[in-house]
Full PDB file with SEQRES, HELIX, SHEET, SSBOND, CRYST1, ORIGX, SCALE, CONECT and MASTER records, all heavy atoms in Angstrom:
SEQRES   1 A   39  GLU SER ASP GLY ASN PHE HIS LEU GLY GLU THR THR ARG          
SEQRES   2 A   39  LEU PRO ASN LEU SER HIS ASP ASP ASP ALA TRP LEU TYR          
SEQRES   3 A   39  ASP ASP ALA LYS ALA TYR ALA GLY ALA ASN VAL CYS GLY          
SHEET    1 AA1 2 ASN A   5  HIS A   7  0                                        
SHEET    2 AA1 2 GLU A  10  ARG A  13 -1                                        
CRYST1    1.000    1.000    1.000  90.00  90.00  90.00 P 1           1          
ORIGX1      1.000000  0.000000  0.000000        0.00000                         
ORIGX2      0.000000  1.000000  0.000000        0.00000                         
ORIGX3      0.000000  0.000000  1.000000        0.00000                         
SCALE1      1.000000  0.000000  0.000000        0.00000                         
SCALE2      0.000000  1.000000  0.000000        0.00000                         
SCALE3      0.000000  0.000000  1.000000        0.00000                         
ATOM      1  N   GLU A   1       3.710 -10.577   5.344  1.00  0.00           N  
ATOM      2  CA  GLU A   1       3.938 -11.453   6.490  1.00  0.00           C  
ATOM      3  C   GLU A   1       3.992 -12.939   6.025  1.00  0.00           C  
ATOM      4  O   GLU A   1       4.720 -13.757   6.553  1.00  0.00           O  
ATOM      5  CB  GLU A   1       2.838 -11.246   7.519  1.00  0.00           C  
ATOM      6  CG  GLU A   1       3.017 -12.114   8.784  1.00  0.00           C  
ATOM      7  CD  GLU A   1       1.917 -11.856   9.760  1.00  0.00           C  
ATOM      8  OE1 GLU A   1       0.882 -11.220   9.426  1.00  0.00           O  
ATOM      9  OE2 GLU A   1       2.058 -12.277  10.964  1.00  0.00           O  
ATOM     10  N   SER A   2       3.156 -13.241   4.996  1.00  0.00           N  
ATOM     11  CA  SER A   2       3.100 -14.629   4.573  1.00  0.00           C  
ATOM     12  C   SER A   2       3.056 -14.712   3.048  1.00  0.00           C  
ATOM     13  O   SER A   2       2.401 -13.919   2.378  1.00  0.00           O  
ATOM     14  CB  SER A   2       1.829 -15.304   5.092  1.00  0.00           C  
ATOM     15  OG  SER A   2       1.576 -16.538   4.476  1.00  0.00           O  
ATOM     16  N   ASP A   3       3.815 -15.676   2.488  1.00  0.00           N  
ATOM     17  CA  ASP A   3       3.774 -15.913   1.054  1.00  0.00           C  
ATOM     18  C   ASP A   3       2.919 -17.151   0.724  1.00  0.00           C  
ATOM     19  O   ASP A   3       2.840 -17.640  -0.375  1.00  0.00           O  
ATOM     20  CB  ASP A   3       5.168 -16.102   0.464  1.00  0.00           C  
ATOM     21  CG  ASP A   3       5.875 -17.352   1.044  1.00  0.00           C  
ATOM     22  OD1 ASP A   3       5.375 -17.933   2.022  1.00  0.00           O  
ATOM     23  OD2 ASP A   3       6.890 -17.776   0.482  1.00  0.00           O  
ATOM     24  N   GLY A   4       2.152 -17.650   1.742  1.00  0.00           N  
ATOM     25  CA  GLY A   4       1.305 -18.784   1.566  1.00  0.00           C  
ATOM     26  C   GLY A   4       2.057 -20.069   1.703  1.00  0.00           C  
ATOM     27  O   GLY A   4       3.294 -20.134   1.553  1.00  0.00           O  
ATOM     28  N   ASN A   5       1.391 -21.151   1.999  1.00  0.00           N  
ATOM     29  CA  ASN A   5       2.038 -22.461   2.080  1.00  0.00           C  
ATOM     30  C   ASN A   5       1.294 -23.422   1.159  1.00  0.00           C  
ATOM     31  O   ASN A   5       0.134 -23.285   0.867  1.00  0.00           O  
ATOM     32  CB  ASN A   5       1.925 -22.998   3.536  1.00  0.00           C  
ATOM     33  CG  ASN A   5       2.894 -22.226   4.470  1.00  0.00           C  
ATOM     34  OD1 ASN A   5       4.080 -22.117   4.182  1.00  0.00           O  
ATOM     35  ND2 ASN A   5       2.310 -21.717   5.527  1.00  0.00           N  
ATOM     36  N   PHE A   6       2.001 -24.455   0.712  1.00  0.00           N  
ATOM     37  CA  PHE A   6       1.463 -25.414  -0.242  1.00  0.00           C  
ATOM     38  C   PHE A   6       1.704 -26.795   0.324  1.00  0.00           C  
ATOM     39  O   PHE A   6       2.816 -27.171   0.634  1.00  0.00           O  
ATOM     40  CB  PHE A   6       2.149 -25.265  -1.606  1.00  0.00           C  
ATOM     41  CG  PHE A   6       1.457 -25.955  -2.708  1.00  0.00           C  
ATOM     42  CD1 PHE A   6       0.225 -25.423  -3.186  1.00  0.00           C  
ATOM     43  CD2 PHE A   6       1.946 -27.103  -3.288  1.00  0.00           C  
ATOM     44  CE1 PHE A   6      -0.452 -26.084  -4.236  1.00  0.00           C  
ATOM     45  CE2 PHE A   6       1.281 -27.750  -4.327  1.00  0.00           C  
ATOM     46  CZ  PHE A   6       0.057 -27.230  -4.778  1.00  0.00           C  
ATOM     47  N   HIS A   7       0.586 -27.593   0.480  1.00  0.00           N  
ATOM     48  CA  HIS A   7       0.704 -28.909   1.050  1.00  0.00           C  
ATOM     49  C   HIS A   7      -0.301 -29.833   0.400  1.00  0.00           C  
ATOM     50  O   HIS A   7      -1.499 -29.515   0.321  1.00  0.00           O  
ATOM     51  CB  HIS A   7       0.441 -28.821   2.581  1.00  0.00           C  
ATOM     52  CG  HIS A   7       0.661 -30.125   3.328  1.00  0.00           C  
ATOM     53  ND1 HIS A   7       1.855 -30.776   3.302  1.00  0.00           N  
ATOM     54  CD2 HIS A   7      -0.199 -30.828   4.074  1.00  0.00           C  
ATOM     55  CE1 HIS A   7       1.725 -31.890   4.037  1.00  0.00           C  
ATOM     56  NE2 HIS A   7       0.515 -31.960   4.490  1.00  0.00           N  
ATOM     57  N   LEU A   8       0.172 -30.962  -0.066  1.00  0.00           N  
ATOM     58  CA  LEU A   8      -0.718 -31.962  -0.717  1.00  0.00           C  
ATOM     59  C   LEU A   8      -1.559 -31.315  -1.813  1.00  0.00           C  
ATOM     60  O   LEU A   8      -2.745 -31.594  -1.963  1.00  0.00           O  
ATOM     61  CB  LEU A   8      -1.589 -32.641   0.324  1.00  0.00           C  
ATOM     62  CG  LEU A   8      -0.845 -33.409   1.438  1.00  0.00           C  
ATOM     63  CD1 LEU A   8      -1.831 -34.025   2.410  1.00  0.00           C  
ATOM     64  CD2 LEU A   8       0.022 -34.507   0.792  1.00  0.00           C  
ATOM     65  N   GLY A   9      -0.951 -30.442  -2.607  1.00  0.00           N  
ATOM     66  CA  GLY A   9      -1.634 -29.820  -3.702  1.00  0.00           C  
ATOM     67  C   GLY A   9      -2.557 -28.687  -3.414  1.00  0.00           C  
ATOM     68  O   GLY A   9      -3.220 -28.171  -4.258  1.00  0.00           O  
ATOM     69  N   GLU A  10      -2.554 -28.213  -2.102  1.00  0.00           N  
ATOM     70  CA  GLU A  10      -3.435 -27.123  -1.757  1.00  0.00           C  
ATOM     71  C   GLU A  10      -2.662 -26.036  -1.012  1.00  0.00           C  
ATOM     72  O   GLU A  10      -1.732 -26.318  -0.251  1.00  0.00           O  
ATOM     73  CB  GLU A  10      -4.583 -27.634  -0.867  1.00  0.00           C  
ATOM     74  CG  GLU A  10      -5.512 -28.600  -1.528  1.00  0.00           C  
ATOM     75  CD  GLU A  10      -6.645 -28.974  -0.581  1.00  0.00           C  
ATOM     76  OE1 GLU A  10      -6.623 -28.516   0.564  1.00  0.00           O  
ATOM     77  OE2 GLU A  10      -7.526 -29.705  -1.027  1.00  0.00           O  
ATOM     78  N   THR A  11      -3.113 -24.811  -1.218  1.00  0.00           N  
ATOM     79  CA  THR A  11      -2.554 -23.713  -0.468  1.00  0.00           C  
ATOM     80  C   THR A  11      -3.192 -23.700   0.892  1.00  0.00           C  
ATOM     81  O   THR A  11      -4.406 -23.548   0.985  1.00  0.00           O  
ATOM     82  CB  THR A  11      -2.792 -22.337  -1.177  1.00  0.00           C  
ATOM     83  OG1 THR A  11      -2.164 -22.370  -2.453  1.00  0.00           O  
ATOM     84  CG2 THR A  11      -2.237 -21.182  -0.343  1.00  0.00           C  
ATOM     85  N   THR A  12      -2.416 -23.855   1.969  1.00  0.00           N  
ATOM     86  CA  THR A  12      -3.041 -24.009   3.284  1.00  0.00           C  
ATOM     87  C   THR A  12      -3.072 -22.697   4.056  1.00  0.00           C  
ATOM     88  O   THR A  12      -3.641 -22.638   5.116  1.00  0.00           O  
ATOM     89  CB  THR A  12      -2.216 -25.023   4.085  1.00  0.00           C  
ATOM     90  OG1 THR A  12      -0.886 -24.611   4.163  1.00  0.00           O  
ATOM     91  CG2 THR A  12      -2.298 -26.402   3.400  1.00  0.00           C  
ATOM     92  N   ARG A  13      -2.431 -21.700   3.558  1.00  0.00           N  
ATOM     93  CA  ARG A  13      -2.511 -20.377   4.199  1.00  0.00           C  
ATOM     94  C   ARG A  13      -2.558 -19.312   3.140  1.00  0.00           C  
ATOM     95  O   ARG A  13      -1.759 -19.313   2.216  1.00  0.00           O  
ATOM     96  CB  ARG A  13      -1.297 -20.133   5.107  1.00  0.00           C  
ATOM     97  CG  ARG A  13      -1.327 -18.857   5.863  1.00  0.00           C  
ATOM     98  CD  ARG A  13      -0.157 -18.719   6.812  1.00  0.00           C  
ATOM     99  NE  ARG A  13      -0.219 -17.491   7.516  1.00  0.00           N  
ATOM    100  CZ  ARG A  13       0.763 -17.076   8.390  1.00  0.00           C  
ATOM    101  NH1 ARG A  13       1.790 -17.819   8.569  1.00  0.00           N  
ATOM    102  NH2 ARG A  13       0.667 -15.917   9.010  1.00  0.00           N  
ATOM    103  N   LEU A  14      -3.534 -18.435   3.229  1.00  0.00           N  
ATOM    104  CA  LEU A  14      -3.696 -17.401   2.220  1.00  0.00           C  
ATOM    105  C   LEU A  14      -2.482 -16.425   2.236  1.00  0.00           C  
ATOM    106  O   LEU A  14      -2.170 -15.850   3.271  1.00  0.00           O  
ATOM    107  CB  LEU A  14      -4.994 -16.615   2.467  1.00  0.00           C  
ATOM    108  CG  LEU A  14      -5.335 -15.559   1.441  1.00  0.00           C  
ATOM    109  CD1 LEU A  14      -5.735 -16.250   0.106  1.00  0.00           C  
ATOM    110  CD2 LEU A  14      -6.495 -14.688   1.896  1.00  0.00           C  
ATOM    111  N   PRO A  15      -1.812 -16.267   1.110  1.00  0.00           N  
ATOM    112  CA  PRO A  15      -0.704 -15.293   1.111  1.00  0.00           C  
ATOM    113  C   PRO A  15      -1.211 -13.885   1.147  1.00  0.00           C  
ATOM    114  O   PRO A  15      -2.332 -13.597   0.757  1.00  0.00           O  
ATOM    115  CB  PRO A  15      -0.008 -15.624  -0.229  1.00  0.00           C  
ATOM    116  CG  PRO A  15      -1.127 -16.120  -1.114  1.00  0.00           C  
ATOM    117  CD  PRO A  15      -2.021 -16.912  -0.205  1.00  0.00           C  
ATOM    118  N   ASN A  16      -0.396 -12.962   1.668  1.00  0.00           N  
ATOM    119  CA  ASN A  16      -0.786 -11.565   1.665  1.00  0.00           C  
ATOM    120  C   ASN A  16      -0.770 -10.990   0.266  1.00  0.00           C  
ATOM    121  O   ASN A  16      -1.457 -10.014  -0.038  1.00  0.00           O  
ATOM    122  CB  ASN A  16       0.126 -10.772   2.570  1.00  0.00           C  
ATOM    123  CG  ASN A  16       0.047 -11.214   4.051  1.00  0.00           C  
ATOM    124  OD1 ASN A  16       1.048 -11.538   4.624  1.00  0.00           O  
ATOM    125  ND2 ASN A  16      -1.175 -11.269   4.579  1.00  0.00           N  
ATOM    126  N   LEU A  17       0.058 -11.607  -0.615  1.00  0.00           N  
ATOM    127  CA  LEU A  17       0.119 -11.198  -1.977  1.00  0.00           C  
ATOM    128  C   LEU A  17       0.004 -12.453  -2.858  1.00  0.00           C  
ATOM    129  O   LEU A  17       0.739 -13.368  -2.726  1.00  0.00           O  
ATOM    130  CB  LEU A  17       1.496 -10.530  -2.266  1.00  0.00           C  
ATOM    131  CG  LEU A  17       1.794 -10.193  -3.745  1.00  0.00           C  
ATOM    132  CD1 LEU A  17       0.810  -9.176  -4.309  1.00  0.00           C  
ATOM    133  CD2 LEU A  17       3.226  -9.700  -3.894  1.00  0.00           C  
ATOM    134  N   SER A  18      -1.052 -12.417  -3.683  1.00  0.00           N  
ATOM    135  CA  SER A  18      -1.350 -13.586  -4.521  1.00  0.00           C  
ATOM    136  C   SER A  18      -0.151 -13.888  -5.482  1.00  0.00           C  
ATOM    137  O   SER A  18       0.534 -12.995  -5.950  1.00  0.00           O  
ATOM    138  CB  SER A  18      -2.601 -13.369  -5.365  1.00  0.00           C  
ATOM    139  OG  SER A  18      -2.786 -14.374  -6.317  1.00  0.00           O  
ATOM    140  N   HIS A  19       0.020 -15.192  -5.726  1.00  0.00           N  
ATOM    141  CA  HIS A  19       1.079 -15.578  -6.689  1.00  0.00           C  
ATOM    142  C   HIS A  19       0.505 -15.636  -8.096  1.00  0.00           C  
ATOM    143  O   HIS A  19       1.267 -15.933  -9.057  1.00  0.00           O  
ATOM    144  CB  HIS A  19       1.605 -16.999  -6.315  1.00  0.00           C  
ATOM    145  CG  HIS A  19       2.517 -17.013  -5.127  1.00  0.00           C  
ATOM    146  ND1 HIS A  19       3.818 -16.722  -5.189  1.00  0.00           N  
ATOM    147  CD2 HIS A  19       2.227 -17.207  -3.808  1.00  0.00           C  
ATOM    148  CE1 HIS A  19       4.364 -16.790  -3.964  1.00  0.00           C  
ATOM    149  NE2 HIS A  19       3.397 -17.094  -3.111  1.00  0.00           N  
ATOM    150  N   ASP A  20      -0.759 -15.312  -8.259  1.00  0.00           N  
ATOM    151  CA  ASP A  20      -1.359 -15.336  -9.608  1.00  0.00           C  
ATOM    152  C   ASP A  20      -1.429 -13.898 -10.143  1.00  0.00           C  
ATOM    153  O   ASP A  20      -1.274 -12.930  -9.431  1.00  0.00           O  
ATOM    154  CB  ASP A  20      -2.809 -15.884  -9.495  1.00  0.00           C  
ATOM    155  CG  ASP A  20      -2.810 -17.326  -8.971  1.00  0.00           C  
ATOM    156  OD1 ASP A  20      -1.926 -18.106  -9.324  1.00  0.00           O  
ATOM    157  OD2 ASP A  20      -3.721 -17.612  -8.159  1.00  0.00           O  
ATOM    158  N   ASP A  21      -1.684 -13.788 -11.430  1.00  0.00           N  
ATOM    159  CA  ASP A  21      -1.874 -12.517 -12.091  1.00  0.00           C  
ATOM    160  C   ASP A  21      -0.657 -11.518 -11.872  1.00  0.00           C  
ATOM    161  O   ASP A  21       0.421 -12.000 -11.608  1.00  0.00           O  
ATOM    162  CB  ASP A  21      -3.237 -11.895 -11.682  1.00  0.00           C  
ATOM    163  CG  ASP A  21      -4.376 -12.833 -11.953  1.00  0.00           C  
ATOM    164  OD1 ASP A  21      -4.392 -13.409 -13.089  1.00  0.00           O  
ATOM    165  OD2 ASP A  21      -5.271 -13.001 -11.081  1.00  0.00           O  
ATOM    166  N   ASP A  22      -0.980 -10.251 -11.875  1.00  0.00           N  
ATOM    167  CA  ASP A  22       0.121  -9.267 -11.841  1.00  0.00           C  
ATOM    168  C   ASP A  22       0.154  -8.441 -10.522  1.00  0.00           C  
ATOM    169  O   ASP A  22       0.820  -7.389 -10.476  1.00  0.00           O  
ATOM    170  CB  ASP A  22       0.006  -8.277 -12.996  1.00  0.00           C  
ATOM    171  CG  ASP A  22       0.170  -8.994 -14.352  1.00  0.00           C  
ATOM    172  OD1 ASP A  22       0.872  -9.986 -14.378  1.00  0.00           O  
ATOM    173  OD2 ASP A  22      -0.416  -8.502 -15.344  1.00  0.00           O  
ATOM    174  N   ALA A  23      -0.587  -8.855  -9.485  1.00  0.00           N  
ATOM    175  CA  ALA A  23      -0.615  -8.089  -8.224  1.00  0.00           C  
ATOM    176  C   ALA A  23       0.830  -7.932  -7.691  1.00  0.00           C  
ATOM    177  O   ALA A  23       1.646  -8.882  -7.793  1.00  0.00           O  
ATOM    178  CB  ALA A  23      -1.465  -8.814  -7.215  1.00  0.00           C  
ATOM    179  N   TRP A  24       1.131  -6.725  -7.117  1.00  0.00           N  
ATOM    180  CA  TRP A  24       2.505  -6.510  -6.644  1.00  0.00           C  
ATOM    181  C   TRP A  24       2.516  -5.440  -5.593  1.00  0.00           C  
ATOM    182  O   TRP A  24       1.690  -4.528  -5.574  1.00  0.00           O  
ATOM    183  CB  TRP A  24       3.440  -6.203  -7.798  1.00  0.00           C  
ATOM    184  CG  TRP A  24       4.925  -6.167  -7.404  1.00  0.00           C  
ATOM    185  CD1 TRP A  24       5.758  -5.132  -7.460  1.00  0.00           C  
ATOM    186  CD2 TRP A  24       5.682  -7.291  -6.929  1.00  0.00           C  
ATOM    187  NE1 TRP A  24       7.044  -5.493  -7.048  1.00  0.00           N  
ATOM    188  CE2 TRP A  24       7.029  -6.833  -6.749  1.00  0.00           C  
ATOM    189  CE3 TRP A  24       5.415  -8.650  -6.691  1.00  0.00           C  
ATOM    190  CZ2 TRP A  24       8.066  -7.628  -6.279  1.00  0.00           C  
ATOM    191  CZ3 TRP A  24       6.475  -9.454  -6.260  1.00  0.00           C  
ATOM    192  CH2 TRP A  24       7.766  -8.938  -6.044  1.00  0.00           C  
ATOM    193  N   LEU A  25       3.533  -5.473  -4.723  1.00  0.00           N  
ATOM    194  CA  LEU A  25       3.786  -4.432  -3.730  1.00  0.00           C  
ATOM    195  C   LEU A  25       5.079  -3.759  -4.066  1.00  0.00           C  
ATOM    196  O   LEU A  25       6.105  -4.441  -4.155  1.00  0.00           O  
ATOM    197  CB  LEU A  25       3.889  -4.991  -2.323  1.00  0.00           C  
ATOM    198  CG  LEU A  25       2.567  -5.207  -1.527  1.00  0.00           C  
ATOM    199  CD1 LEU A  25       1.703  -6.237  -2.221  1.00  0.00           C  
ATOM    200  CD2 LEU A  25       2.916  -5.655  -0.107  1.00  0.00           C  
ATOM    201  N   TYR A  26       5.041  -2.449  -4.317  1.00  0.00           N  
ATOM    202  CA  TYR A  26       6.220  -1.691  -4.677  1.00  0.00           C  
ATOM    203  C   TYR A  26       6.758  -0.890  -3.464  1.00  0.00           C  
ATOM    204  O   TYR A  26       6.043  -0.738  -2.491  1.00  0.00           O  
ATOM    205  CB  TYR A  26       5.923  -0.712  -5.812  1.00  0.00           C  
ATOM    206  CG  TYR A  26       5.439  -1.299  -7.122  1.00  0.00           C  
ATOM    207  CD1 TYR A  26       4.118  -1.664  -7.256  1.00  0.00           C  
ATOM    208  CD2 TYR A  26       6.327  -1.535  -8.156  1.00  0.00           C  
ATOM    209  CE1 TYR A  26       3.686  -2.234  -8.453  1.00  0.00           C  
ATOM    210  CE2 TYR A  26       5.896  -2.090  -9.371  1.00  0.00           C  
ATOM    211  CZ  TYR A  26       4.585  -2.458  -9.475  1.00  0.00           C  
ATOM    212  OH  TYR A  26       4.092  -3.006 -10.663  1.00  0.00           O  
ATOM    213  N   ASP A  27       7.922  -0.347  -3.589  1.00  0.00           N  
ATOM    214  CA  ASP A  27       8.480   0.582  -2.561  1.00  0.00           C  
ATOM    215  C   ASP A  27       8.419  -0.074  -1.130  1.00  0.00           C  
ATOM    216  O   ASP A  27       8.891  -1.165  -0.996  1.00  0.00           O  
ATOM    217  CB  ASP A  27       7.716   1.898  -2.626  1.00  0.00           C  
ATOM    218  CG  ASP A  27       7.644   2.440  -4.008  1.00  0.00           C  
ATOM    219  OD1 ASP A  27       8.653   2.402  -4.732  1.00  0.00           O  
ATOM    220  OD2 ASP A  27       6.552   2.921  -4.394  1.00  0.00           O  
ATOM    221  N   ASP A  28       7.840   0.697  -0.211  1.00  0.00           N  
ATOM    222  CA  ASP A  28       7.734   0.172   1.185  1.00  0.00           C  
ATOM    223  C   ASP A  28       6.330  -0.179   1.559  1.00  0.00           C  
ATOM    224  O   ASP A  28       5.937  -0.169   2.717  1.00  0.00           O  
ATOM    225  CB  ASP A  28       8.286   1.209   2.176  1.00  0.00           C  
ATOM    226  CG  ASP A  28       9.801   1.164   2.295  1.00  0.00           C  
ATOM    227  OD1 ASP A  28      10.340   0.053   2.330  1.00  0.00           O  
ATOM    228  OD2 ASP A  28      10.429   2.249   2.300  1.00  0.00           O  
ATOM    229  N   ALA A  29       5.478  -0.506   0.566  1.00  0.00           N  
ATOM    230  CA  ALA A  29       4.094  -0.885   0.851  1.00  0.00           C  
ATOM    231  C   ALA A  29       4.076  -2.209   1.690  1.00  0.00           C  
ATOM    232  O   ALA A  29       4.985  -3.023   1.525  1.00  0.00           O  
ATOM    233  CB  ALA A  29       3.350  -1.100  -0.456  1.00  0.00           C  
ATOM    234  N   LYS A  30       3.087  -2.347   2.554  1.00  0.00           N  
ATOM    235  CA  LYS A  30       3.021  -3.481   3.443  1.00  0.00           C  
ATOM    236  C   LYS A  30       1.629  -4.099   3.475  1.00  0.00           C  
ATOM    237  O   LYS A  30       0.625  -3.369   3.513  1.00  0.00           O  
ATOM    238  CB  LYS A  30       3.348  -2.992   4.891  1.00  0.00           C  
ATOM    239  CG  LYS A  30       4.695  -2.282   5.021  1.00  0.00           C  
ATOM    240  CD  LYS A  30       4.889  -1.716   6.369  1.00  0.00           C  
ATOM    241  CE  LYS A  30       6.194  -0.942   6.494  1.00  0.00           C  
ATOM    242  NZ  LYS A  30       6.173   0.300   5.652  1.00  0.00           N  
ATOM    243  N   ALA A  31       1.581  -5.451   3.473  1.00  0.00           N  
ATOM    244  CA  ALA A  31       0.333  -6.216   3.617  1.00  0.00           C  
ATOM    245  C   ALA A  31       0.596  -7.301   4.586  1.00  0.00           C  
ATOM    246  O   ALA A  31       1.525  -8.120   4.421  1.00  0.00           O  
ATOM    247  CB  ALA A  31      -0.081  -6.726   2.234  1.00  0.00           C  
ATOM    248  N   TYR A  32      -0.248  -7.384   5.661  1.00  0.00           N  
ATOM    249  CA  TYR A  32      -0.013  -8.383   6.679  1.00  0.00           C  
ATOM    250  C   TYR A  32      -1.281  -8.608   7.528  1.00  0.00           C  
ATOM    251  O   TYR A  32      -2.341  -8.003   7.239  1.00  0.00           O  
ATOM    252  CB  TYR A  32       1.162  -7.971   7.582  1.00  0.00           C  
ATOM    253  CG  TYR A  32       0.972  -6.585   8.240  1.00  0.00           C  
ATOM    254  CD1 TYR A  32       0.582  -6.493   9.599  1.00  0.00           C  
ATOM    255  CD2 TYR A  32       1.222  -5.395   7.549  1.00  0.00           C  
ATOM    256  CE1 TYR A  32       0.438  -5.268  10.194  1.00  0.00           C  
ATOM    257  CE2 TYR A  32       1.073  -4.178   8.155  1.00  0.00           C  
ATOM    258  CZ  TYR A  32       0.662  -4.103   9.510  1.00  0.00           C  
ATOM    259  OH  TYR A  32       0.528  -2.890  10.082  1.00  0.00           O  
ATOM    260  N   ALA A  33      -1.121  -9.455   8.529  1.00  0.00           N  
ATOM    261  CA  ALA A  33      -2.242  -9.763   9.455  1.00  0.00           C  
ATOM    262  C   ALA A  33      -3.518 -10.233   8.729  1.00  0.00           C  
ATOM    263  O   ALA A  33      -4.616  -9.805   9.077  1.00  0.00           O  
ATOM    264  CB  ALA A  33      -2.543  -8.569  10.355  1.00  0.00           C  
ATOM    265  N   GLY A  34      -3.356 -11.041   7.689  1.00  0.00           N  
ATOM    266  CA  GLY A  34      -4.521 -11.593   7.009  1.00  0.00           C  
ATOM    267  C   GLY A  34      -4.971 -10.841   5.827  1.00  0.00           C  
ATOM    268  O   GLY A  34      -5.891 -11.251   5.103  1.00  0.00           O  
ATOM    269  N   ALA A  35      -4.398  -9.657   5.540  1.00  0.00           N  
ATOM    270  CA  ALA A  35      -4.829  -8.818   4.384  1.00  0.00           C  
ATOM    271  C   ALA A  35      -4.398  -9.505   3.109  1.00  0.00           C  
ATOM    272  O   ALA A  35      -3.461 -10.360   3.132  1.00  0.00           O  
ATOM    273  CB  ALA A  35      -4.178  -7.448   4.487  1.00  0.00           C  
ATOM    274  N   ASN A  36      -5.045  -9.168   2.007  1.00  0.00           N  
ATOM    275  CA  ASN A  36      -4.778  -9.869   0.762  1.00  0.00           C  
ATOM    276  C   ASN A  36      -4.832  -8.915  -0.461  1.00  0.00           C  
ATOM    277  O   ASN A  36      -5.752  -8.151  -0.609  1.00  0.00           O  
ATOM    278  CB  ASN A  36      -5.790 -11.003   0.537  1.00  0.00           C  
ATOM    279  CG  ASN A  36      -5.531 -11.759  -0.770  1.00  0.00           C  
ATOM    280  OD1 ASN A  36      -6.357 -11.792  -1.643  1.00  0.00           O  
ATOM    281  ND2 ASN A  36      -4.425 -12.429  -0.829  1.00  0.00           N  
ATOM    282  N   VAL A  37      -3.746  -8.987  -1.252  1.00  0.00           N  
ATOM    283  CA  VAL A  37      -3.704  -8.265  -2.525  1.00  0.00           C  
ATOM    284  C   VAL A  37      -3.763  -9.304  -3.638  1.00  0.00           C  
ATOM    285  O   VAL A  37      -2.916 -10.253  -3.675  1.00  0.00           O  
ATOM    286  CB  VAL A  37      -2.410  -7.448  -2.668  1.00  0.00           C  
ATOM    287  CG1 VAL A  37      -2.432  -6.648  -3.951  1.00  0.00           C  
ATOM    288  CG2 VAL A  37      -2.224  -6.508  -1.454  1.00  0.00           C  
ATOM    289  N   CYS A  38      -4.691  -9.184  -4.563  1.00  0.00           N  
ATOM    290  CA  CYS A  38      -4.850 -10.205  -5.604  1.00  0.00           C  
ATOM    291  C   CYS A  38      -5.174  -9.569  -6.951  1.00  0.00           C  
ATOM    292  O   CYS A  38      -5.209  -8.337  -7.055  1.00  0.00           O  
ATOM    293  CB  CYS A  38      -5.946 -11.173  -5.179  1.00  0.00           C  
ATOM    294  SG  CYS A  38      -7.558 -10.443  -4.895  1.00  0.00           S  
ATOM    295  N   GLY A  39      -5.466 -10.377  -7.931  1.00  0.00           N  
ATOM    296  CA  GLY A  39      -5.756  -9.870  -9.288  1.00  0.00           C  
ATOM    297  C   GLY A  39      -4.564  -9.101  -9.790  1.00  0.00           C  
ATOM    298  O   GLY A  39      -3.437  -9.557  -9.771  1.00  0.00           O  
TER     299      GLY A  39                                                      
MASTER        0    0    0    0    2    0    0    6  298    1    0    3          
END                                                                             
């Protein structure tokens, strides 16, 4: 649902999938409504 937002050097909304490390969603997997996949 969200890839996060960046404003004045800060992420202002937590992305459902982190832009760091190797976390990823394959196939038809879904993350939304505030959920978070990281690491």
